[in-house]
N, C-alpha and C. Protein backbone atom coordinates (compact mmCIF):
# COMPACT_ATOMS: atom_id res chain seq x y z
N MET A 1 43.04 21.31 -61.54
CA MET A 1 44.21 21.73 -61.67
C MET A 1 44.64 22.40 -62.87
N GLU A 2 45.39 23.65 -62.77
CA GLU A 2 45.69 24.37 -63.91
C GLU A 2 46.52 23.74 -64.86
N GLU A 3 46.19 23.90 -66.25
CA GLU A 3 47.06 23.24 -67.28
C GLU A 3 48.42 24.01 -67.57
N MET A 4 49.61 23.24 -67.51
CA MET A 4 50.82 23.78 -67.58
C MET A 4 51.35 23.62 -69.06
N VAL A 5 51.98 24.56 -69.75
CA VAL A 5 52.56 24.48 -71.00
C VAL A 5 54.06 24.87 -71.10
N ASP A 6 54.67 24.22 -71.96
CA ASP A 6 56.11 24.61 -72.24
C ASP A 6 56.30 25.96 -72.97
N VAL A 7 57.19 26.84 -72.67
CA VAL A 7 57.38 28.18 -73.15
C VAL A 7 58.26 27.79 -74.35
N TYR A 8 58.01 28.61 -75.53
CA TYR A 8 58.72 28.34 -76.74
C TYR A 8 59.50 29.67 -77.12
N ASP A 9 60.61 29.68 -77.75
CA ASP A 9 61.24 30.93 -78.12
C ASP A 9 60.48 31.30 -79.46
N SER A 10 60.18 32.57 -79.59
CA SER A 10 59.40 33.08 -80.57
C SER A 10 60.11 33.07 -81.97
N VAL A 11 61.53 33.03 -81.86
CA VAL A 11 62.27 33.05 -83.20
C VAL A 11 62.65 31.74 -83.58
N THR A 12 63.25 30.93 -82.64
CA THR A 12 63.69 29.63 -83.07
C THR A 12 62.63 28.62 -82.93
N GLY A 13 61.53 28.87 -82.21
CA GLY A 13 60.55 27.82 -82.11
C GLY A 13 60.95 26.54 -81.30
N GLU A 14 62.06 26.86 -80.34
CA GLU A 14 62.47 25.72 -79.51
C GLU A 14 61.94 26.00 -78.25
N LYS A 15 61.79 25.02 -77.24
CA LYS A 15 61.59 25.01 -75.88
C LYS A 15 62.64 25.77 -75.14
N THR A 16 61.98 26.83 -74.22
CA THR A 16 63.25 27.60 -73.38
C THR A 16 63.53 26.76 -72.16
N GLY A 17 62.72 25.75 -71.82
CA GLY A 17 63.14 25.03 -70.45
C GLY A 17 61.97 25.55 -69.43
N GLU A 18 61.47 26.89 -69.71
CA GLU A 18 60.47 27.36 -68.63
C GLU A 18 58.98 26.73 -68.77
N VAL A 19 58.17 26.51 -67.89
CA VAL A 19 56.83 26.04 -67.97
C VAL A 19 56.02 27.09 -67.09
N ILE A 20 54.82 27.25 -67.70
CA ILE A 20 53.90 28.25 -67.02
C ILE A 20 52.47 27.70 -67.40
N SER A 21 51.60 28.40 -66.67
CA SER A 21 50.36 28.00 -66.86
C SER A 21 49.62 28.64 -68.27
N LYS A 22 48.77 27.70 -68.85
CA LYS A 22 48.15 28.21 -69.99
C LYS A 22 47.62 29.48 -70.00
N ASN A 23 46.89 29.72 -68.82
CA ASN A 23 46.32 30.99 -68.54
C ASN A 23 47.32 32.20 -68.53
N GLU A 24 48.30 31.87 -67.98
CA GLU A 24 49.38 33.05 -68.03
C GLU A 24 49.96 33.30 -69.31
N ALA A 25 50.29 32.16 -70.28
CA ALA A 25 50.68 32.35 -71.57
C ALA A 25 49.71 33.06 -72.33
N HIS A 26 48.34 32.93 -72.28
CA HIS A 26 47.31 33.57 -72.95
C HIS A 26 47.13 35.09 -72.48
N ARG A 27 47.28 35.26 -71.18
CA ARG A 27 47.37 36.59 -70.73
C ARG A 27 48.37 37.49 -71.09
N LYS A 28 49.76 36.82 -71.16
CA LYS A 28 50.72 37.62 -71.29
C LYS A 28 51.40 37.56 -72.93
N GLY A 29 50.60 36.73 -73.66
CA GLY A 29 50.99 36.47 -75.06
C GLY A 29 52.40 35.86 -75.16
N ILE A 30 52.55 34.93 -74.42
CA ILE A 30 53.80 34.10 -74.35
C ILE A 30 53.76 32.72 -75.34
N TRP A 31 54.77 32.62 -76.13
CA TRP A 31 54.57 31.47 -77.18
C TRP A 31 54.65 30.08 -76.59
N HIS A 32 53.76 29.26 -76.92
CA HIS A 32 53.70 27.88 -76.39
C HIS A 32 53.24 27.18 -77.63
N SER A 33 52.84 25.80 -77.42
CA SER A 33 52.43 24.92 -78.46
C SER A 33 51.02 24.26 -78.37
N ALA A 34 50.56 23.98 -79.73
CA ALA A 34 49.29 23.33 -79.57
C ALA A 34 49.16 22.16 -80.78
N ILE A 35 48.25 21.50 -80.82
CA ILE A 35 47.90 20.58 -81.97
C ILE A 35 46.65 21.01 -82.64
N HIS A 36 46.67 20.65 -83.95
CA HIS A 36 45.17 20.77 -84.57
C HIS A 36 45.22 19.47 -85.46
N ILE A 37 43.99 18.90 -85.48
CA ILE A 37 43.92 17.68 -86.26
C ILE A 37 42.84 18.16 -87.44
N LEU A 38 43.24 17.92 -88.76
CA LEU A 38 42.26 18.14 -89.82
C LEU A 38 41.66 16.68 -90.13
N PHE A 39 40.46 16.53 -89.84
CA PHE A 39 39.77 15.06 -90.17
C PHE A 39 39.23 15.08 -91.51
N ILE A 40 39.41 14.45 -92.63
CA ILE A 40 38.68 14.53 -93.79
C ILE A 40 38.32 13.06 -94.20
N ASN A 41 37.33 12.87 -94.93
CA ASN A 41 37.01 11.48 -95.60
C ASN A 41 37.76 11.01 -96.57
N LYS A 42 37.66 9.84 -96.63
CA LYS A 42 38.80 8.90 -97.46
C LYS A 42 38.48 9.62 -99.05
N GLU A 43 37.42 9.97 -99.48
CA GLU A 43 37.25 10.41 -100.82
C GLU A 43 37.80 11.90 -100.92
N ARG A 44 38.32 12.64 -99.78
CA ARG A 44 38.78 13.86 -99.70
C ARG A 44 37.82 14.79 -100.20
N ASN A 45 36.41 14.78 -100.00
CA ASN A 45 35.64 15.67 -100.39
C ASN A 45 34.69 16.18 -99.22
N LYS A 46 35.20 16.05 -98.13
CA LYS A 46 34.40 16.53 -96.76
C LYS A 46 35.39 16.50 -95.76
N ILE A 47 35.11 17.56 -94.83
CA ILE A 47 36.00 17.80 -93.61
C ILE A 47 35.07 17.65 -92.50
N LEU A 48 35.40 17.11 -91.36
CA LEU A 48 34.60 17.07 -90.19
C LEU A 48 35.00 18.14 -89.35
N LEU A 49 34.07 19.09 -88.98
CA LEU A 49 34.35 20.33 -88.26
C LEU A 49 33.63 20.15 -86.91
N GLN A 50 34.02 20.77 -85.70
CA GLN A 50 33.38 20.86 -84.51
C GLN A 50 32.85 22.35 -84.36
N LYS A 51 31.76 22.47 -83.51
CA LYS A 51 31.28 23.85 -83.09
C LYS A 51 31.69 23.87 -81.61
N ARG A 52 32.33 24.97 -81.33
CA ARG A 52 32.57 25.05 -79.91
C ARG A 52 31.42 25.41 -79.13
N CYS A 53 31.75 25.20 -77.76
CA CYS A 53 30.40 25.13 -76.85
C CYS A 53 30.25 26.83 -76.56
N ALA A 54 29.23 27.19 -76.18
CA ALA A 54 28.74 28.48 -75.80
C ALA A 54 29.47 28.94 -74.54
N ASP A 55 29.86 28.07 -73.59
CA ASP A 55 30.84 28.31 -72.49
C ASP A 55 32.32 28.86 -72.68
N LYS A 56 32.54 28.64 -73.88
CA LYS A 56 34.09 28.76 -74.11
C LYS A 56 34.61 30.21 -74.18
N LYS A 57 35.53 30.53 -73.52
CA LYS A 57 36.02 31.89 -73.44
C LYS A 57 36.30 32.41 -74.95
N LEU A 58 37.14 31.47 -75.66
CA LEU A 58 37.51 31.70 -76.93
C LEU A 58 36.49 31.51 -78.16
N TYR A 59 36.17 32.38 -78.75
CA TYR A 59 35.23 31.96 -79.90
C TYR A 59 34.14 30.98 -79.58
N PRO A 60 33.14 31.48 -78.69
CA PRO A 60 32.25 30.62 -78.30
C PRO A 60 31.17 30.47 -79.47
N ASN A 61 30.58 29.38 -79.56
CA ASN A 61 29.58 28.98 -80.64
C ASN A 61 30.05 29.14 -82.13
N ARG A 62 31.36 29.00 -82.36
CA ARG A 62 31.94 29.21 -83.64
C ARG A 62 32.39 27.89 -84.18
N TRP A 63 32.24 27.64 -85.54
CA TRP A 63 32.98 26.44 -86.04
C TRP A 63 34.34 26.49 -85.85
N ASP A 64 34.82 25.40 -85.81
CA ASP A 64 36.45 25.24 -85.79
C ASP A 64 36.96 23.97 -86.55
N ILE A 65 38.31 23.87 -86.59
CA ILE A 65 38.81 22.59 -87.27
C ILE A 65 38.30 21.49 -86.29
N THR A 66 38.62 20.23 -86.91
CA THR A 66 38.16 19.05 -86.40
C THR A 66 38.72 18.91 -84.86
N VAL A 67 39.79 19.00 -84.48
CA VAL A 67 40.39 18.88 -83.22
C VAL A 67 41.38 19.77 -82.96
N GLY A 68 41.52 20.54 -81.79
CA GLY A 68 42.37 21.49 -81.41
C GLY A 68 42.68 21.28 -79.76
N GLY A 69 43.84 21.59 -79.28
CA GLY A 69 44.30 21.54 -78.02
C GLY A 69 45.84 21.99 -77.70
N HIS A 70 45.92 22.21 -76.49
CA HIS A 70 47.36 22.55 -76.14
C HIS A 70 48.23 21.43 -75.77
N ILE A 71 49.42 21.47 -76.13
CA ILE A 71 50.35 20.47 -75.67
C ILE A 71 50.83 20.62 -74.26
N SER A 72 50.52 19.71 -73.39
CA SER A 72 50.97 20.05 -72.03
C SER A 72 52.30 19.97 -71.62
N ALA A 73 52.98 20.71 -70.79
CA ALA A 73 54.44 20.58 -70.38
C ALA A 73 54.80 19.24 -70.48
N GLY A 74 55.84 19.17 -71.22
CA GLY A 74 56.70 17.87 -71.27
C GLY A 74 56.00 16.80 -72.11
N GLU A 75 54.93 17.22 -72.88
CA GLU A 75 54.15 16.15 -73.71
C GLU A 75 54.70 16.38 -75.25
N GLU A 76 54.80 15.24 -75.80
CA GLU A 76 55.25 15.45 -77.18
C GLU A 76 53.84 15.73 -78.14
N ALA A 77 53.96 16.30 -79.25
CA ALA A 77 52.71 16.77 -80.09
C ALA A 77 51.91 15.55 -80.41
N LEU A 78 52.52 14.48 -80.92
CA LEU A 78 51.61 13.44 -81.28
C LEU A 78 50.85 12.67 -80.19
N VAL A 79 51.57 12.77 -78.99
CA VAL A 79 50.87 12.07 -77.79
C VAL A 79 49.54 13.06 -77.51
N SER A 80 49.99 14.33 -77.59
CA SER A 80 48.69 15.46 -77.16
C SER A 80 47.69 15.26 -78.34
N ALA A 81 48.12 14.94 -79.62
CA ALA A 81 47.01 14.68 -80.73
C ALA A 81 46.11 13.69 -80.53
N HIS A 82 46.77 12.61 -80.04
CA HIS A 82 45.94 11.29 -79.78
C HIS A 82 45.09 11.55 -78.56
N ARG A 83 45.61 12.28 -77.36
CA ARG A 83 44.68 12.60 -76.28
C ARG A 83 43.61 13.60 -76.59
N GLU A 84 43.79 14.50 -77.33
CA GLU A 84 42.67 15.47 -77.53
C GLU A 84 41.61 14.81 -78.62
N LEU A 85 42.19 13.82 -79.59
CA LEU A 85 41.01 13.25 -80.22
C LEU A 85 40.05 12.44 -79.36
N GLU A 86 40.68 11.85 -78.54
CA GLU A 86 39.82 10.84 -77.52
C GLU A 86 39.01 11.90 -76.69
N GLU A 87 39.49 12.94 -76.05
CA GLU A 87 38.81 13.74 -75.23
C GLU A 87 37.57 14.55 -75.90
N GLU A 88 37.97 14.97 -77.12
CA GLU A 88 36.88 15.92 -77.70
C GLU A 88 35.93 15.20 -78.55
N LEU A 89 36.35 14.29 -79.22
CA LEU A 89 35.36 13.38 -80.08
C LEU A 89 35.05 12.07 -79.46
N GLY A 90 35.85 11.46 -78.62
CA GLY A 90 35.47 10.09 -77.89
C GLY A 90 35.85 9.22 -78.90
N LEU A 91 36.90 9.26 -79.72
CA LEU A 91 37.33 8.21 -80.90
C LEU A 91 38.41 7.53 -80.36
N ASP A 92 38.77 6.24 -80.65
CA ASP A 92 39.78 5.53 -80.10
C ASP A 92 41.05 5.95 -81.19
N SER A 93 41.93 6.76 -80.57
CA SER A 93 42.94 7.32 -81.59
C SER A 93 43.83 6.24 -82.09
N LYS A 94 43.75 5.11 -81.41
CA LYS A 94 44.81 4.04 -82.02
C LYS A 94 44.39 3.57 -83.27
N LYS A 95 43.16 3.75 -83.64
CA LYS A 95 42.63 3.27 -84.90
C LYS A 95 42.86 4.23 -86.20
N TYR A 96 43.51 5.25 -85.92
CA TYR A 96 43.64 6.23 -87.11
C TYR A 96 45.06 6.36 -87.15
N GLU A 97 45.45 6.80 -88.56
CA GLU A 97 46.73 7.25 -88.82
C GLU A 97 46.95 8.71 -88.88
N PHE A 98 47.82 9.32 -88.08
CA PHE A 98 48.08 10.64 -87.92
C PHE A 98 49.23 11.05 -88.84
N LYS A 99 48.86 11.90 -89.90
CA LYS A 99 49.82 12.32 -90.82
C LYS A 99 50.32 13.76 -90.49
N PHE A 100 51.58 13.71 -90.05
CA PHE A 100 52.12 15.14 -89.76
C PHE A 100 52.04 16.18 -91.03
N ILE A 101 51.61 17.29 -91.17
CA ILE A 101 51.48 18.10 -92.10
C ILE A 101 52.62 19.09 -92.09
N ASP A 102 52.56 19.93 -90.94
CA ASP A 102 53.58 20.97 -90.89
C ASP A 102 53.23 21.68 -89.47
N ARG A 103 54.19 22.49 -89.01
CA ARG A 103 54.25 23.19 -87.84
C ARG A 103 54.27 24.65 -88.31
N ILE A 104 53.15 25.27 -87.73
CA ILE A 104 52.95 26.74 -88.07
C ILE A 104 53.02 27.76 -86.91
N LYS A 105 53.09 28.98 -87.24
CA LYS A 105 52.99 30.06 -86.17
C LYS A 105 51.60 30.43 -86.34
N GLU A 106 50.73 30.61 -85.24
CA GLU A 106 49.70 31.26 -85.38
C GLU A 106 49.44 32.21 -84.14
N GLU A 107 48.87 33.30 -84.46
CA GLU A 107 48.68 34.44 -83.36
C GLU A 107 47.24 34.91 -83.59
N PHE A 108 46.63 35.24 -82.50
CA PHE A 108 45.33 35.86 -82.47
C PHE A 108 44.92 36.54 -81.06
N ILE A 109 44.10 37.38 -81.16
CA ILE A 109 43.71 38.07 -79.73
C ILE A 109 42.15 37.93 -79.99
N ASN A 110 41.62 37.38 -78.98
CA ASN A 110 39.92 37.19 -78.87
C ASN A 110 39.67 37.19 -77.39
N ASN A 111 38.70 37.97 -77.14
CA ASN A 111 38.19 37.96 -75.75
C ASN A 111 39.06 38.24 -74.58
N GLY A 112 40.02 38.99 -74.80
CA GLY A 112 41.11 39.15 -73.76
C GLY A 112 42.10 38.21 -74.01
N VAL A 113 42.18 37.26 -74.67
CA VAL A 113 43.20 36.35 -74.90
C VAL A 113 44.06 36.46 -75.95
N ASN A 114 45.53 36.57 -75.55
CA ASN A 114 46.54 36.77 -76.42
C ASN A 114 47.29 35.61 -76.94
N SER A 115 46.73 34.88 -77.77
CA SER A 115 47.33 33.66 -78.23
C SER A 115 48.44 33.54 -79.09
N LYS A 116 49.48 32.96 -78.66
CA LYS A 116 50.77 32.83 -79.59
C LYS A 116 51.22 31.32 -79.59
N GLU A 117 51.01 30.73 -80.65
CA GLU A 117 51.22 29.32 -80.56
C GLU A 117 51.85 28.74 -81.93
N PHE A 118 52.85 27.72 -81.62
CA PHE A 118 53.50 26.80 -82.59
C PHE A 118 52.59 25.74 -82.67
N VAL A 119 51.80 25.63 -83.74
CA VAL A 119 50.84 24.65 -83.87
C VAL A 119 51.36 23.44 -84.84
N TYR A 120 51.32 22.27 -84.27
CA TYR A 120 51.47 20.95 -84.90
C TYR A 120 50.16 20.55 -85.70
N VAL A 121 50.39 20.36 -87.11
CA VAL A 121 48.95 20.21 -87.69
C VAL A 121 49.03 18.82 -88.39
N TYR A 122 48.01 17.97 -87.89
CA TYR A 122 47.97 16.64 -88.39
C TYR A 122 46.67 16.48 -89.34
N LEU A 123 46.99 15.42 -90.22
CA LEU A 123 45.72 15.21 -91.19
C LEU A 123 45.30 13.67 -90.82
N ILE A 124 43.89 13.40 -90.71
CA ILE A 124 43.47 12.17 -90.63
C ILE A 124 42.45 11.84 -91.72
N GLU A 125 42.65 10.93 -92.46
CA GLU A 125 41.75 10.55 -93.67
C GLU A 125 41.16 9.27 -93.37
N GLU A 126 39.82 9.53 -93.05
CA GLU A 126 38.98 8.36 -92.39
C GLU A 126 37.59 8.80 -92.43
N ASP A 127 36.81 7.80 -92.74
CA ASP A 127 35.26 7.94 -92.66
C ASP A 127 34.86 7.65 -91.32
N VAL A 128 34.02 8.44 -90.66
CA VAL A 128 33.62 8.16 -89.40
C VAL A 128 32.12 8.70 -89.29
N ASN A 129 31.34 7.97 -88.68
CA ASN A 129 29.81 8.10 -88.40
C ASN A 129 29.77 9.21 -87.42
N ILE A 130 29.12 10.26 -87.71
CA ILE A 130 28.90 11.20 -86.73
C ILE A 130 28.31 10.69 -85.26
N LYS A 131 27.40 9.73 -85.64
CA LYS A 131 26.54 9.22 -84.46
C LYS A 131 27.44 8.43 -83.54
N ASN A 132 28.73 7.97 -83.95
CA ASN A 132 29.66 7.34 -83.09
C ASN A 132 30.50 8.17 -82.18
N LEU A 133 30.34 9.56 -82.49
CA LEU A 133 31.19 10.45 -81.55
C LEU A 133 30.59 10.67 -80.29
N VAL A 134 31.43 10.89 -79.27
CA VAL A 134 31.11 11.29 -77.91
C VAL A 134 31.69 12.59 -77.88
N LEU A 135 30.83 13.62 -77.92
CA LEU A 135 31.44 14.90 -77.69
C LEU A 135 31.63 15.42 -76.34
N GLN A 136 32.94 15.92 -76.20
CA GLN A 136 33.20 16.43 -74.67
C GLN A 136 32.33 17.64 -74.70
N LYS A 137 31.40 17.64 -73.72
CA LYS A 137 30.31 18.71 -73.47
C LYS A 137 30.87 19.94 -73.16
N GLU A 138 32.08 20.08 -72.47
CA GLU A 138 32.89 21.39 -72.01
C GLU A 138 33.36 21.97 -73.20
N GLU A 139 33.61 21.24 -74.16
CA GLU A 139 34.38 21.85 -75.25
C GLU A 139 33.48 21.97 -76.68
N VAL A 140 32.82 20.85 -77.12
CA VAL A 140 32.29 20.62 -78.32
C VAL A 140 30.64 20.54 -78.16
N SER A 141 29.89 21.48 -78.94
CA SER A 141 28.46 21.35 -78.98
C SER A 141 27.99 20.43 -79.99
N GLU A 142 28.73 20.27 -81.05
CA GLU A 142 28.19 19.74 -82.38
C GLU A 142 29.43 19.46 -83.30
N ALA A 143 29.31 18.27 -84.19
CA ALA A 143 30.07 18.09 -85.05
C ALA A 143 29.42 17.64 -86.31
N ARG A 144 29.99 18.06 -87.39
CA ARG A 144 29.15 17.65 -88.87
C ARG A 144 30.33 17.69 -89.90
N TRP A 145 30.22 16.80 -90.85
CA TRP A 145 30.76 16.91 -92.15
C TRP A 145 30.41 17.94 -92.96
N PHE A 146 31.23 18.69 -93.73
CA PHE A 146 31.04 19.71 -94.59
C PHE A 146 31.80 19.52 -95.87
N THR A 147 31.12 19.71 -97.08
CA THR A 147 31.82 19.70 -98.23
C THR A 147 32.76 20.70 -98.41
N LYS A 148 33.57 20.66 -99.58
CA LYS A 148 34.56 21.74 -99.65
C LYS A 148 33.72 23.04 -99.81
N ASP A 149 32.78 23.26 -100.71
CA ASP A 149 32.03 24.42 -101.02
C ASP A 149 31.30 24.84 -99.51
N GLU A 150 30.78 24.00 -98.75
CA GLU A 150 30.19 24.47 -97.57
C GLU A 150 31.26 25.04 -96.57
N PHE A 151 32.34 24.40 -96.61
CA PHE A 151 33.41 24.77 -95.83
C PHE A 151 34.01 26.28 -96.39
N LEU A 152 34.04 26.43 -97.63
CA LEU A 152 34.46 27.66 -98.19
C LEU A 152 33.60 28.76 -97.63
N GLU A 153 32.04 28.48 -97.87
CA GLU A 153 31.31 29.44 -97.32
C GLU A 153 31.29 29.87 -95.88
N LEU A 154 31.67 28.84 -95.08
CA LEU A 154 31.95 29.29 -93.73
C LEU A 154 32.96 30.23 -93.55
N ILE A 155 34.05 29.93 -94.41
CA ILE A 155 35.27 30.86 -94.41
C ILE A 155 34.56 32.37 -94.94
N GLU A 156 34.15 32.35 -95.96
CA GLU A 156 33.48 33.51 -96.44
C GLU A 156 32.70 34.35 -95.63
N LYS A 157 31.75 33.60 -94.92
CA LYS A 157 30.80 34.17 -93.99
C LYS A 157 31.42 34.39 -92.65
N LYS A 158 32.60 34.14 -92.39
CA LYS A 158 33.27 34.34 -91.11
C LYS A 158 32.55 33.59 -89.95
N GLN A 159 32.02 32.25 -90.37
CA GLN A 159 31.27 31.58 -89.34
C GLN A 159 32.36 30.66 -88.62
N ILE A 160 33.47 30.60 -89.07
CA ILE A 160 34.56 29.47 -88.62
C ILE A 160 35.82 30.53 -88.07
N ILE A 161 36.41 29.83 -87.16
CA ILE A 161 37.66 30.58 -86.47
C ILE A 161 38.71 30.52 -87.77
N ASN A 162 39.27 31.59 -87.90
CA ASN A 162 40.10 31.81 -89.01
C ASN A 162 41.51 31.26 -88.83
N HIS A 163 41.64 30.00 -89.17
CA HIS A 163 42.99 29.34 -89.18
C HIS A 163 43.53 29.40 -90.55
N TRP A 164 43.70 30.61 -91.04
CA TRP A 164 43.96 30.67 -92.64
C TRP A 164 45.24 29.80 -93.28
N GLN A 165 46.19 29.75 -92.34
CA GLN A 165 47.19 28.89 -93.03
C GLN A 165 46.70 27.49 -93.33
N GLU A 166 45.98 26.91 -92.18
CA GLU A 166 45.42 25.68 -92.44
C GLU A 166 44.26 25.52 -93.50
N PHE A 167 43.56 26.62 -93.49
CA PHE A 167 42.57 26.63 -94.68
C PHE A 167 43.23 26.62 -95.94
N GLU A 168 44.39 27.16 -96.32
CA GLU A 168 45.14 27.23 -97.46
C GLU A 168 45.72 25.59 -97.83
N MET A 169 46.00 25.00 -96.62
CA MET A 169 46.37 23.57 -96.72
C MET A 169 45.16 22.95 -97.50
N LEU A 170 43.92 23.02 -96.59
CA LEU A 170 42.76 22.14 -96.82
C LEU A 170 42.39 22.58 -98.53
N LYS A 171 42.28 23.71 -98.80
CA LYS A 171 42.15 23.92 -100.25
C LYS A 171 42.75 23.25 -101.31
N ASP A 172 43.92 22.71 -100.79
CA ASP A 172 44.74 21.83 -101.77
C ASP A 172 44.35 20.36 -101.59
N ILE A 173 43.99 19.88 -100.30
CA ILE A 173 43.82 18.67 -99.91
C ILE A 173 42.36 18.12 -100.47
N LEU A 174 41.24 19.06 -100.30
CA LEU A 174 40.10 18.76 -100.56
C LEU A 174 39.61 18.84 -101.94
N VAL A 175 38.80 17.90 -102.28
CA VAL A 175 38.27 17.84 -103.92
C VAL A 175 37.06 18.34 -104.12
């Protein structure tokens, strides 16, 4: 079944009441919404990142923020964040405190996809053992903790998807 998303007004950031498929939104560059989760350890000196699968249309085999996904039509952002954490990393989302950081506008074009999203950004501060993760094989090929210096090196070498607004947030959060 095709994933459906709410359409958002590009200026006000409010839902328009229209619902379309995620594929149509990406094909036509229509504003919709997503969630991102930035997962750092309690000492705030490492970030957990995921590597996207080779089969992904967008940015295959690239490092990415901890968790990301679209908000389904009619779904609230926090509900989506919980769902995506469980789907992508196999973690029980009820065990974690989701701290809302900001909602940002993010636009990019990659491999024929014109993505325009209002992204709800959440932070989780918790230590998790990589061995306890159950990676969603269609989405994630690897997950790994990175120090701030290693994270900054990924950015410098362009080995991570450029979520520059979130990277600026993380530069202030990570020690």
